[in-house]
Amino acid sequence: MLFDFLENYRDQLATHFALEEAFGYFDDPVDVAPHISEEVESLRSEHGDLYEAICGIVERAIDLLGESPTLAGFRDIANWLCQFDEHFQRHESRENELIMQAFNEDIGVGD
């Protein structure tokens, strides 16, 4: 069950990143606010790093629990997932902030 959850989570993240990149949610803000392009590229490059990180967690979990599951093993997996989630949440927050910055500063909020 845990393996299924981890593998499903990994696959959902792959889809999430692929959709973000395929549909270019940053394309319009970059066209309007070219000064954010470096941060946009930095955020896009994190997708690969984040995906590799979750793949590593899945592989380590399979190795750790495949042999002889222990409470310590489950704790390790939980810690890895918490660290990953913190990184992922910071990433998503930065994406949202950057989009809002572009729209508020360069497009304007209107009255």
PDB file of N, CA and C in Angstrom:
ATOM      1  N   MET A   1       0.811  -1.185   0.000  1.00  0.00           N
ATOM      2  CA  MET A   1       0.000   0.000   0.000  1.00  0.00           C
ATOM      3  C   MET A   1       0.863   1.262   0.000  1.00  0.00           C
ATOM      4  N   LEU A   2       1.885   1.304   0.827  1.00  0.00           N
ATOM      5  CA  LEU A   2       2.775   2.464   0.854  1.00  0.00           C
ATOM      6  C   LEU A   2       3.483   2.623  -0.487  1.00  0.00           C
ATOM      7  N   PHE A   3       3.912   1.496  -1.065  1.00  0.00           N
ATOM      8  CA  PHE A   3       4.588   1.565  -2.363  1.00  0.00           C
ATOM      9  C   PHE A   3       3.635   2.107  -3.427  1.00  0.00           C
ATOM     10  N   ASP A   4       2.386   1.662  -3.377  1.00  0.00           N
ATOM     11  CA  ASP A   4       1.402   2.151  -4.338  1.00  0.00           C
ATOM     12  C   ASP A   4       1.207   3.659  -4.188  1.00  0.00           C
ATOM     13  N   PHE A   5       1.112   4.115  -2.935  1.00  0.00           N
ATOM     14  CA  PHE A   5       0.966   5.547  -2.688  1.00  0.00           C
ATOM     15  C   PHE A   5       2.158   6.316  -3.250  1.00  0.00           C
ATOM     16  N   LEU A   6       3.359   5.861  -2.939  1.00  0.00           N
ATOM     17  CA  LEU A   6       4.566   6.561  -3.389  1.00  0.00           C
ATOM     18  C   LEU A   6       4.672   6.573  -4.911  1.00  0.00           C
ATOM     19  N   GLU A   7       4.394   5.455  -5.519  1.00  0.00           N
ATOM     20  CA  GLU A   7       4.468   5.395  -6.977  1.00  0.00           C
ATOM     21  C   GLU A   7       3.398   6.267  -7.626  1.00  0.00           C
ATOM     22  N   ASN A   8       2.202   6.283  -7.063  1.00  0.00           N
ATOM     23  CA  ASN A   8       1.126   7.128  -7.573  1.00  0.00           C
ATOM     24  C   ASN A   8       1.489   8.607  -7.415  1.00  0.00           C
ATOM     25  N   TYR A   9       2.030   8.972  -6.266  1.00  0.00           N
ATOM     26  CA  TYR A   9       2.454  10.353  -6.010  1.00  0.00           C
ATOM     27  C   TYR A   9       3.523  10.776  -7.014  1.00  0.00           C
ATOM     28  N   ARG A  10       4.503   9.915  -7.224  1.00  0.00           N
ATOM     29  CA  ARG A  10       5.558  10.193  -8.205  1.00  0.00           C
ATOM     30  C   ARG A  10       4.966  10.422  -9.595  1.00  0.00           C
ATOM     31  N   ASP A  11       4.035   9.561  -9.992  1.00  0.00           N
ATOM     32  CA  ASP A  11       3.420   9.677 -11.312  1.00  0.00           C
ATOM     33  C   ASP A  11       2.581  10.950 -11.434  1.00  0.00           C
ATOM     34  N   GLN A  12       1.879  11.319 -10.362  1.00  0.00           N
ATOM     35  CA  GLN A  12       1.092  12.548 -10.381  1.00  0.00           C
ATOM     36  C   GLN A  12       1.992  13.779 -10.495  1.00  0.00           C
ATOM     37  N   LEU A  13       3.121  13.750  -9.829  1.00  0.00           N
ATOM     38  CA  LEU A  13       4.069  14.871  -9.947  1.00  0.00           C
ATOM     39  C   LEU A  13       4.623  14.963 -11.358  1.00  0.00           C
ATOM     40  N   ALA A  14       4.898  13.828 -11.970  1.00  0.00           N
ATOM     41  CA  ALA A  14       5.379  13.839 -13.355  1.00  0.00           C
ATOM     42  C   ALA A  14       4.342  14.496 -14.258  1.00  0.00           C
ATOM     43  N   THR A  15       3.088  14.151 -14.067  1.00  0.00           N
ATOM     44  CA  THR A  15       2.009  14.753 -14.856  1.00  0.00           C
ATOM     45  C   THR A  15       1.894  16.243 -14.573  1.00  0.00           C
ATOM     46  N   HIS A  16       1.965  16.614 -13.322  1.00  0.00           N
ATOM     47  CA  HIS A  16       1.890  18.023 -12.918  1.00  0.00           C
ATOM     48  C   HIS A  16       2.970  18.849 -13.617  1.00  0.00           C
ATOM     49  N   PHE A  17       4.211  18.389 -13.549  1.00  0.00           N
ATOM     50  CA  PHE A  17       5.313  19.126 -14.169  1.00  0.00           C
ATOM     51  C   PHE A  17       5.172  19.155 -15.688  1.00  0.00           C
ATOM     52  N   ALA A  18       4.774  18.033 -16.266  1.00  0.00           N
ATOM     53  CA  ALA A  18       4.608  17.978 -17.722  1.00  0.00           C
ATOM     54  C   ALA A  18       3.533  18.955 -18.185  1.00  0.00           C
ATOM     55  N   LEU A  19       2.442  19.036 -17.461  1.00  0.00           N
ATOM     56  CA  LEU A  19       1.378  19.971 -17.829  1.00  0.00           C
ATOM     57  C   LEU A  19       1.841  21.423 -17.690  1.00  0.00           C
ATOM     58  N   GLU A  20       2.548  21.718 -16.609  1.00  0.00           N
ATOM     59  CA  GLU A  20       3.060  23.087 -16.438  1.00  0.00           C
ATOM     60  C   GLU A  20       3.961  23.479 -17.597  1.00  0.00           C
ATOM     61  N   GLU A  21       4.809  22.569 -18.013  1.00  0.00           N
ATOM     62  CA  GLU A  21       5.751  22.886 -19.081  1.00  0.00           C
ATOM     63  C   GLU A  21       5.076  22.864 -20.452  1.00  0.00           C
ATOM     64  N   ALA A  22       4.161  21.943 -20.671  1.00  0.00           N
ATOM     65  CA  ALA A  22       3.520  21.813 -21.982  1.00  0.00           C
ATOM     66  C   ALA A  22       2.591  22.980 -22.287  1.00  0.00           C
ATOM     67  N   PHE A  23       1.894  23.457 -21.261  1.00  0.00           N
ATOM     68  CA  PHE A  23       0.932  24.515 -21.503  1.00  0.00           C
ATOM     69  C   PHE A  23       1.488  25.896 -21.227  1.00  0.00           C
ATOM     70  N   GLY A  24       2.765  25.980 -20.876  1.00  0.00           N
ATOM     71  CA  GLY A  24       3.459  27.252 -20.781  1.00  0.00           C
ATOM     72  C   GLY A  24       2.777  28.300 -19.939  1.00  0.00           C
ATOM     73  N   TYR A  25       2.401  27.940 -18.717  1.00  0.00           N
ATOM     74  CA  TYR A  25       1.705  28.901 -17.879  1.00  0.00           C
ATOM     75  C   TYR A  25       2.529  30.146 -17.592  1.00  0.00           C
ATOM     76  N   PHE A  26       3.829  30.076 -17.834  1.00  0.00           N
ATOM     77  CA  PHE A  26       4.682  31.251 -17.649  1.00  0.00           C
ATOM     78  C   PHE A  26       4.925  32.014 -18.944  1.00  0.00           C
ATOM     79  N   ASP A  27       4.487  31.501 -20.058  1.00  0.00           N
ATOM     80  CA  ASP A  27       4.777  32.159 -21.330  1.00  0.00           C
ATOM     81  C   ASP A  27       4.198  33.559 -21.406  1.00  0.00           C
ATOM     82  N   ASP A  28       2.933  33.736 -21.053  1.00  0.00           N
ATOM     83  CA  ASP A  28       2.330  35.063 -21.105  1.00  0.00           C
ATOM     84  C   ASP A  28       2.992  36.044 -20.142  1.00  0.00           C
ATOM     85  N   PRO A  29       3.198  35.672 -18.866  1.00  0.00           N
ATOM     86  CA  PRO A  29       3.873  36.611 -17.978  1.00  0.00           C
ATOM     87  C   PRO A  29       5.271  37.001 -18.463  1.00  0.00           C
ATOM     88  N   VAL A  30       6.015  36.054 -19.050  1.00  0.00           N
ATOM     89  CA  VAL A  30       7.361  36.377 -19.534  1.00  0.00           C
ATOM     90  C   VAL A  30       7.280  37.321 -20.729  1.00  0.00           C
ATOM     91  N   ASP A  31       6.283  37.133 -21.587  1.00  0.00           N
ATOM     92  CA  ASP A  31       6.114  38.036 -22.718  1.00  0.00           C
ATOM     93  C   ASP A  31       5.841  39.455 -22.239  1.00  0.00           C
ATOM     94  N   VAL A  32       5.053  39.565 -21.185  1.00  0.00           N
ATOM     95  CA  VAL A  32       4.683  40.877 -20.666  1.00  0.00           C
ATOM     96  C   VAL A  32       5.767  41.431 -19.751  1.00  0.00           C
ATOM     97  N   ALA A  33       6.455  40.560 -19.036  1.00  0.00           N
ATOM     98  CA  ALA A  33       7.455  40.969 -18.044  1.00  0.00           C
ATOM     99  C   ALA A  33       8.746  40.192 -18.254  1.00  0.00           C
ATOM    100  N   PRO A  34       9.521  40.540 -19.295  1.00  0.00           N
ATOM    101  CA  PRO A  34      10.719  39.759 -19.613  1.00  0.00           C
ATOM    102  C   PRO A  34      11.751  39.710 -18.486  1.00  0.00           C
ATOM    103  N   HIS A  35      11.700  40.660 -17.563  1.00  0.00           N
ATOM    104  CA  HIS A  35      12.685  40.674 -16.475  1.00  0.00           C
ATOM    105  C   HIS A  35      12.540  39.486 -15.522  1.00  0.00           C
ATOM    106  N   ILE A  36      11.450  38.738 -15.607  1.00  0.00           N
ATOM    107  CA  ILE A  36      11.289  37.569 -14.741  1.00  0.00           C
ATOM    108  C   ILE A  36      11.762  36.277 -15.405  1.00  0.00           C
ATOM    109  N   SER A  37      12.260  36.379 -16.627  1.00  0.00           N
ATOM    110  CA  SER A  37      12.597  35.162 -17.381  1.00  0.00           C
ATOM    111  C   SER A  37      13.662  34.304 -16.701  1.00  0.00           C
ATOM    112  N   GLU A  38      14.628  34.927 -16.028  1.00  0.00           N
ATOM    113  CA  GLU A  38      15.659  34.122 -15.354  1.00  0.00           C
ATOM    114  C   GLU A  38      15.054  33.293 -14.228  1.00  0.00           C
ATOM    115  N   GLU A  39      14.166  33.907 -13.456  1.00  0.00           N
ATOM    116  CA  GLU A  39      13.549  33.145 -12.371  1.00  0.00           C
ATOM    117  C   GLU A  39      12.617  32.073 -12.920  1.00  0.00           C
ATOM    118  N   VAL A  40      11.941  32.370 -14.014  1.00  0.00           N
ATOM    119  CA  VAL A  40      11.086  31.370 -14.649  1.00  0.00           C
ATOM    120  C   VAL A  40      11.919  30.158 -15.049  1.00  0.00           C
ATOM    121  N   GLU A  41      13.049  30.399 -15.678  1.00  0.00           N
ATOM    122  CA  GLU A  41      13.911  29.276 -16.089  1.00  0.00           C
ATOM    123  C   GLU A  41      14.449  28.520 -14.881  1.00  0.00           C
ATOM    124  N   SER A  42      14.773  29.238 -13.821  1.00  0.00           N
ATOM    125  CA  SER A  42      15.241  28.587 -12.600  1.00  0.00           C
ATOM    126  C   SER A  42      14.160  27.668 -12.033  1.00  0.00           C
ATOM    127  N   LEU A  43      12.927  28.159 -12.014  1.00  0.00           N
ATOM    128  CA  LEU A  43      11.825  27.345 -11.508  1.00  0.00           C
ATOM    129  C   LEU A  43      11.559  26.142 -12.407  1.00  0.00           C
ATOM    130  N   ARG A  44      11.621  26.348 -13.708  1.00  0.00           N
ATOM    131  CA  ARG A  44      11.418  25.219 -14.630  1.00  0.00           C
ATOM    132  C   ARG A  44      12.489  24.147 -14.424  1.00  0.00           C
ATOM    133  N   SER A  45      13.711  24.590 -14.201  1.00  0.00           N
ATOM    134  CA  SER A  45      14.798  23.621 -14.016  1.00  0.00           C
ATOM    135  C   SER A  45      14.617  22.822 -12.730  1.00  0.00           C
ATOM    136  N   GLU A  46      13.898  23.363 -11.768  1.00  0.00           N
ATOM    137  CA  GLU A  46      13.645  22.629 -10.524  1.00  0.00           C
ATOM    138  C   GLU A  46      12.720  21.437 -10.741  1.00  0.00           C
ATOM    139  N   HIS A  47      11.918  21.464 -11.800  1.00  0.00           N
ATOM    140  CA  HIS A  47      11.007  20.344 -12.041  1.00  0.00           C
ATOM    141  C   HIS A  47      11.779  19.033 -12.140  1.00  0.00           C
ATOM    142  N   GLY A  48      12.850  19.029 -12.895  1.00  0.00           N
ATOM    143  CA  GLY A  48      13.662  17.821 -13.028  1.00  0.00           C
ATOM    144  C   GLY A  48      14.269  17.393 -11.712  1.00  0.00           C
ATOM    145  N   ASP A  49      14.760  18.372 -10.949  1.00  0.00           N
ATOM    146  CA  ASP A  49      15.357  18.061  -9.645  1.00  0.00           C
ATOM    147  C   ASP A  49      14.321  17.480  -8.686  1.00  0.00           C
ATOM    148  N   LEU A  50      13.147  18.084  -8.672  1.00  0.00           N
ATOM    149  CA  LEU A  50      12.090  17.582  -7.796  1.00  0.00           C
ATOM    150  C   LEU A  50      11.652  16.175  -8.206  1.00  0.00           C
ATOM    151  N   TYR A  51      11.535  15.953  -9.503  1.00  0.00           N
ATOM    152  CA  TYR A  51      11.127  14.630  -9.967  1.00  0.00           C
ATOM    153  C   TYR A  51      12.195  13.583  -9.620  1.00  0.00           C
ATOM    154  N   GLU A  52      13.446  13.927  -9.807  1.00  0.00           N
ATOM    155  CA  GLU A  52      14.514  12.996  -9.431  1.00  0.00           C
ATOM    156  C   GLU A  52      14.489  12.706  -7.938  1.00  0.00           C
ATOM    157  N   ALA A  53      14.190  13.727  -7.139  1.00  0.00           N
ATOM    158  CA  ALA A  53      14.141  13.539  -5.686  1.00  0.00           C
ATOM    159  C   ALA A  53      13.038  12.562  -5.290  1.00  0.00           C
ATOM    160  N   ILE A  54      11.840  12.719  -5.876  1.00  0.00           N
ATOM    161  CA  ILE A  54      10.751  11.811  -5.504  1.00  0.00           C
ATOM    162  C   ILE A  54      11.032  10.405  -6.022  1.00  0.00           C
ATOM    163  N   CYS A  55      11.667  10.296  -7.177  1.00  0.00           N
ATOM    164  CA  CYS A  55      12.044   8.967  -7.684  1.00  0.00           C
ATOM    165  C   CYS A  55      13.042   8.309  -6.732  1.00  0.00           C
ATOM    166  N   GLY A  56      13.975   9.085  -6.218  1.00  0.00           N
ATOM    167  CA  GLY A  56      14.947   8.562  -5.260  1.00  0.00           C
ATOM    168  C   GLY A  56      14.280   8.075  -3.983  1.00  0.00           C
ATOM    169  N   ILE A  57      13.284   8.818  -3.521  1.00  0.00           N
ATOM    170  CA  ILE A  57      12.559   8.407  -2.314  1.00  0.00           C
ATOM    171  C   ILE A  57      11.830   7.088  -2.567  1.00  0.00           C
ATOM    172  N   VAL A  58      11.200   6.972  -3.719  1.00  0.00           N
ATOM    173  CA  VAL A  58      10.488   5.727  -4.048  1.00  0.00           C
ATOM    174  C   VAL A  58      11.479   4.561  -4.080  1.00  0.00           C
ATOM    175  N   GLU A  59      12.602   4.743  -4.737  1.00  0.00           N
ATOM    176  CA  GLU A  59      13.597   3.667  -4.823  1.00  0.00           C
ATOM    177  C   GLU A  59      14.145   3.290  -3.456  1.00  0.00           C
ATOM    178  N   ARG A  60      14.467   4.302  -2.631  1.00  0.00           N
ATOM    179  CA  ARG A  60      14.989   4.002  -1.293  1.00  0.00           C
ATOM    180  C   ARG A  60      13.942   3.306  -0.445  1.00  0.00           C
ATOM    181  N   ALA A  61      12.683   3.712  -0.585  1.00  0.00           N
ATOM    182  CA  ALA A  61      11.609   3.067   0.184  1.00  0.00           C
ATOM    183  C   ALA A  61      11.464   1.605  -0.218  1.00  0.00           C
ATOM    184  N   ILE A  62      11.528   1.349  -1.501  1.00  0.00           N
ATOM    185  CA  ILE A  62      11.421  -0.040  -1.970  1.00  0.00           C
ATOM    186  C   ILE A  62      12.586  -0.860  -1.437  1.00  0.00           C
ATOM    187  N   ASP A  63      13.796  -0.302  -1.509  1.00  0.00           N
ATOM    188  CA  ASP A  63      14.962  -1.010  -0.987  1.00  0.00           C
ATOM    189  C   ASP A  63      14.855  -1.231   0.520  1.00  0.00           C
ATOM    190  N   LEU A  64      14.462  -0.183   1.224  1.00  0.00           N
ATOM    191  CA  LEU A  64      14.418  -0.234   2.687  1.00  0.00           C
ATOM    192  C   LEU A  64      13.337  -1.178   3.190  1.00  0.00           C
ATOM    193  N   LEU A  65      12.172  -1.108   2.595  1.00  0.00           N
ATOM    194  CA  LEU A  65      11.060  -1.905   3.094  1.00  0.00           C
ATOM    195  C   LEU A  65      10.949  -3.260   2.416  1.00  0.00           C
ATOM    196  N   GLY A  66      11.594  -3.404   1.269  1.00  0.00           N
ATOM    197  CA  GLY A  66      11.532  -4.667   0.549  1.00  0.00           C
ATOM    198  C   GLY A  66      12.241  -5.788   1.266  1.00  0.00           C
ATOM    199  N   GLU A  67      13.274  -5.455   2.006  1.00  0.00           N
ATOM    200  CA  GLU A  67      14.049  -6.479   2.689  1.00  0.00           C
ATOM    201  C   GLU A  67      13.366  -6.902   3.988  1.00  0.00           C
ATOM    202  N   SER A  68      13.233  -5.953   4.899  1.00  0.00           N
ATOM    203  CA  SER A  68      12.587  -6.246   6.185  1.00  0.00           C
ATOM    204  C   SER A  68      12.085  -4.930   6.771  1.00  0.00           C
ATOM    205  N   PRO A  69      10.812  -4.664   6.616  1.00  0.00           N
ATOM    206  CA  PRO A  69      10.244  -3.406   7.106  1.00  0.00           C
ATOM    207  C   PRO A  69      10.430  -3.237   8.610  1.00  0.00           C
ATOM    208  N   THR A  70      10.829  -2.040   8.986  1.00  0.00           N
ATOM    209  CA  THR A  70      10.993  -1.718  10.403  1.00  0.00           C
ATOM    210  C   THR A  70      10.352  -0.365  10.671  1.00  0.00           C
ATOM    211  N   LEU A  71      10.094  -0.105  11.927  1.00  0.00           N
ATOM    212  CA  LEU A  71       9.546   1.186  12.307  1.00  0.00           C
ATOM    213  C   LEU A  71      10.523   2.296  11.930  1.00  0.00           C
ATOM    214  N   ALA A  72      11.806   2.055  12.119  1.00  0.00           N
ATOM    215  CA  ALA A  72      12.820   3.045  11.747  1.00  0.00           C
ATOM    216  C   ALA A  72      12.790   3.316  10.244  1.00  0.00           C
ATOM    217  N   GLY A  73      12.567   2.284   9.456  1.00  0.00           N
ATOM    218  CA  GLY A  73      12.467   2.448   8.010  1.00  0.00           C
ATOM    219  C   GLY A  73      11.299   3.332   7.620  1.00  0.00           C
ATOM    220  N   PHE A  74      10.146   3.096   8.271  1.00  0.00           N
ATOM    221  CA  PHE A  74       8.978   3.925   7.996  1.00  0.00           C
ATOM    222  C   PHE A  74       9.229   5.377   8.413  1.00  0.00           C
ATOM    223  N   ARG A  75       9.931   5.561   9.523  1.00  0.00           N
ATOM    224  CA  ARG A  75      10.267   6.923   9.967  1.00  0.00           C
ATOM    225  C   ARG A  75      11.172   7.609   8.953  1.00  0.00           C
ATOM    226  N   ASP A  76      12.138   6.872   8.426  1.00  0.00           N
ATOM    227  CA  ASP A  76      13.030   7.452   7.416  1.00  0.00           C
ATOM    228  C   ASP A  76      12.240   7.912   6.196  1.00  0.00           C
ATOM    229  N   ILE A  77      11.335   7.072   5.750  1.00  0.00           N
ATOM    230  CA  ILE A  77      10.520   7.425   4.583  1.00  0.00           C
ATOM    231  C   ILE A  77       9.689   8.673   4.888  1.00  0.00           C
ATOM    232  N   ALA A  78       9.087   8.709   6.064  1.00  0.00           N
ATOM    233  CA  ALA A  78       8.288   9.875   6.454  1.00  0.00           C
ATOM    234  C   ALA A  78       9.148  11.130   6.473  1.00  0.00           C
ATOM    235  N   ASN A  79      10.360  11.038   6.989  1.00  0.00           N
ATOM    236  CA  ASN A  79      11.259  12.195   7.021  1.00  0.00           C
ATOM    237  C   ASN A  79      11.639  12.643   5.617  1.00  0.00           C
ATOM    238  N   TRP A  80      11.933  11.695   4.744  1.00  0.00           N
ATOM    239  CA  TRP A  80      12.282  12.043   3.364  1.00  0.00           C
ATOM    240  C   TRP A  80      11.114  12.751   2.684  1.00  0.00           C
ATOM    241  N   LEU A  81       9.902  12.220   2.903  1.00  0.00           N
ATOM    242  CA  LEU A  81       8.717  12.831   2.298  1.00  0.00           C
ATOM    243  C   LEU A  81       8.449  14.234   2.853  1.00  0.00           C
ATOM    244  N   CYS A  82       8.671  14.418   4.139  1.00  0.00           N
ATOM    245  CA  CYS A  82       8.497  15.758   4.731  1.00  0.00           C
ATOM    246  C   CYS A  82       9.490  16.749   4.140  1.00  0.00           C
ATOM    247  N   GLN A  83      10.737  16.340   3.999  1.00  0.00           N
ATOM    248  CA  GLN A  83      11.742  17.218   3.401  1.00  0.00           C
ATOM    249  C   GLN A  83      11.393  17.519   1.950  1.00  0.00           C
ATOM    250  N   PHE A  84      10.964  16.501   1.225  1.00  0.00           N
ATOM    251  CA  PHE A  84      10.573  16.709  -0.164  1.00  0.00           C
ATOM    252  C   PHE A  84       9.396  17.676  -0.238  1.00  0.00           C
ATOM    253  N   ASP A  85       8.396  17.461   0.615  1.00  0.00           N
ATOM    254  CA  ASP A  85       7.209  18.311   0.594  1.00  0.00           C
ATOM    255  C   ASP A  85       7.558  19.767   0.887  1.00  0.00           C
ATOM    256  N   GLU A  86       8.464  20.010   1.804  1.00  0.00           N
ATOM    257  CA  GLU A  86       8.887  21.390   2.092  1.00  0.00           C
ATOM    258  C   GLU A  86       9.491  22.028   0.842  1.00  0.00           C
ATOM    259  N   HIS A  87      10.351  21.300   0.156  1.00  0.00           N
ATOM    260  CA  HIS A  87      10.979  21.814  -1.070  1.00  0.00           C
ATOM    261  C   HIS A  87       9.922  22.045  -2.145  1.00  0.00           C
ATOM    262  N   PHE A  88       9.020  21.086  -2.322  1.00  0.00           N
ATOM    263  CA  PHE A  88       7.973  21.199  -3.330  1.00  0.00           C
ATOM    264  C   PHE A  88       7.044  22.378  -3.030  1.00  0.00           C
ATOM    265  N   GLN A  89       6.653  22.552  -1.777  1.00  0.00           N
ATOM    266  CA  GLN A  89       5.764  23.663  -1.409  1.00  0.00           C
ATOM    267  C   GLN A  89       6.445  25.014  -1.624  1.00  0.00           C
ATOM    268  N   ARG A  90       7.732  25.114  -1.301  1.00  0.00           N
ATOM    269  CA  ARG A  90       8.475  26.364  -1.576  1.00  0.00           C
ATOM    270  C   ARG A  90       8.495  26.644  -3.070  1.00  0.00           C
ATOM    271  N   HIS A  91       8.727  25.612  -3.857  1.00  0.00           N
ATOM    272  CA  HIS A  91       8.762  25.750  -5.311  1.00  0.00           C
ATOM    273  C   HIS A  91       7.419  26.260  -5.838  1.00  0.00           C
ATOM    274  N   GLU A  92       6.341  25.619  -5.437  1.00  0.00           N
ATOM    275  CA  GLU A  92       5.012  26.014  -5.901  1.00  0.00           C
ATOM    276  C   GLU A  92       4.671  27.433  -5.448  1.00  0.00           C
ATOM    277  N   SER A  93       5.044  27.765  -4.238  1.00  0.00           N
ATOM    278  CA  SER A  93       4.790  29.111  -3.718  1.00  0.00           C
ATOM    279  C   SER A  93       5.543  30.160  -4.533  1.00  0.00           C
ATOM    280  N   ARG A  94       6.795  29.861  -4.872  1.00  0.00           N
ATOM    281  CA  ARG A  94       7.583  30.790  -5.694  1.00  0.00           C
ATOM    282  C   ARG A  94       6.963  30.952  -7.075  1.00  0.00           C
ATOM    283  N   GLU A  95       6.462  29.865  -7.650  1.00  0.00           N
ATOM    284  CA  GLU A  95       5.792  29.965  -8.952  1.00  0.00           C
ATOM    285  C   GLU A  95       4.575  30.879  -8.856  1.00  0.00           C
ATOM    286  N   ASN A  96       3.759  30.659  -7.849  1.00  0.00           N
ATOM    287  CA  ASN A  96       2.558  31.479  -7.682  1.00  0.00           C
ATOM    288  C   ASN A  96       2.900  32.942  -7.454  1.00  0.00           C
ATOM    289  N   GLU A  97       3.886  33.190  -6.615  1.00  0.00           N
ATOM    290  CA  GLU A  97       4.295  34.571  -6.340  1.00  0.00           C
ATOM    291  C   GLU A  97       4.821  35.251  -7.597  1.00  0.00           C
ATOM    292  N   LEU A  98       5.564  34.529  -8.388  1.00  0.00           N
ATOM    293  CA  LEU A  98       6.130  35.106  -9.605  1.00  0.00           C
ATOM    294  C   LEU A  98       5.034  35.460 -10.608  1.00  0.00           C
ATOM    295  N   ILE A  99       4.062  34.593 -10.741  1.00  0.00           N
ATOM    296  CA  ILE A  99       2.944  34.886 -11.643  1.00  0.00           C
ATOM    297  C   ILE A  99       2.181  36.121 -11.153  1.00  0.00           C
ATOM    298  N   MET A 100       1.899  36.166  -9.862  1.00  0.00           N
ATOM    299  CA  MET A 100       1.182  37.316  -9.311  1.00  0.00           C
ATOM    300  C   MET A 100       1.996  38.598  -9.460  1.00  0.00           C
ATOM    301  N   GLN A 101       3.293  38.518  -9.261  1.00  0.00           N
ATOM    302  CA  GLN A 101       4.160  39.687  -9.424  1.00  0.00           C
ATOM    303  C   GLN A 101       4.092  40.204 -10.855  1.00  0.00           C
ATOM    304  N   ALA A 102       4.187  39.299 -11.794  1.00  0.00           N
ATOM    305  CA  ALA A 102       4.151  39.699 -13.201  1.00  0.00           C
ATOM    306  C   ALA A 102       2.821  40.366 -13.542  1.00  0.00           C
ATOM    307  N   PHE A 103       1.746  39.781 -13.099  1.00  0.00           N
ATOM    308  CA  PHE A 103       0.441  40.360 -13.412  1.00  0.00           C
ATOM    309  C   PHE A 103       0.206  41.674 -12.680  1.00  0.00           C
ATOM    310  N   ASN A 104       0.584  41.754 -11.412  1.00  0.00           N
ATOM    311  CA  ASN A 104       0.358  42.974 -10.643  1.00  0.00           C
ATOM    312  C   ASN A 104       1.247  44.132 -11.073  1.00  0.00           C
ATOM    313  N   GLU A 105       2.513  43.865 -11.340  1.00  0.00           N
ATOM    314  CA  GLU A 105       3.456  44.928 -11.658  1.00  0.00           C
ATOM    315  C   GLU A 105       3.435  45.307 -13.122  1.00  0.00           C
ATOM    316  N   ASP A 106       3.330  44.337 -13.988  1.00  0.00           N
ATOM    317  CA  ASP A 106       3.506  44.618 -15.408  1.00  0.00           C
ATOM    318  C   ASP A 106       2.202  44.690 -16.187  1.00  0.00           C
ATOM    319  N   ILE A 107       1.213  43.965 -15.739  1.00  0.00           N
ATOM    320  CA  ILE A 107      -0.069  44.026 -16.425  1.00  0.00           C
ATOM    321  C   ILE A 107      -0.962  45.036 -15.693  1.00  0.00           C
ATOM    322  N   GLY A 108      -0.833  45.055 -14.376  1.00  0.00           N
ATOM    323  CA  GLY A 108      -1.628  45.978 -13.565  1.00  0.00           C
ATOM    324  C   GLY A 108      -2.853  45.288 -13.035  1.00  0.00           C
ATOM    325  N   VAL A 109      -3.313  45.767 -11.893  1.00  0.00           N
ATOM    326  CA  VAL A 109      -4.462  45.150 -11.246  1.00  0.00           C
ATOM    327  C   VAL A 109      -5.761  45.839 -11.630  1.00  0.00           C
ATOM    328  N   GLY A 110      -5.688  46.998 -12.199  1.00  0.00           N
ATOM    329  CA  GLY A 110      -6.890  47.711 -12.633  1.00  0.00           C
ATOM    330  C   GLY A 110      -7.681  48.251 -11.470  1.00  0.00           C
ATOM    331  N   ASP A 111      -8.681  48.989 -11.777  1.00  0.00           N
ATOM    332  CA  ASP A 111      -9.558  49.551 -10.726  1.00  0.00           C
ATOM    333  C   ASP A 111     -10.980  49.163 -10.946  1.00  0.00           C
TER     334      ASP A 111
END
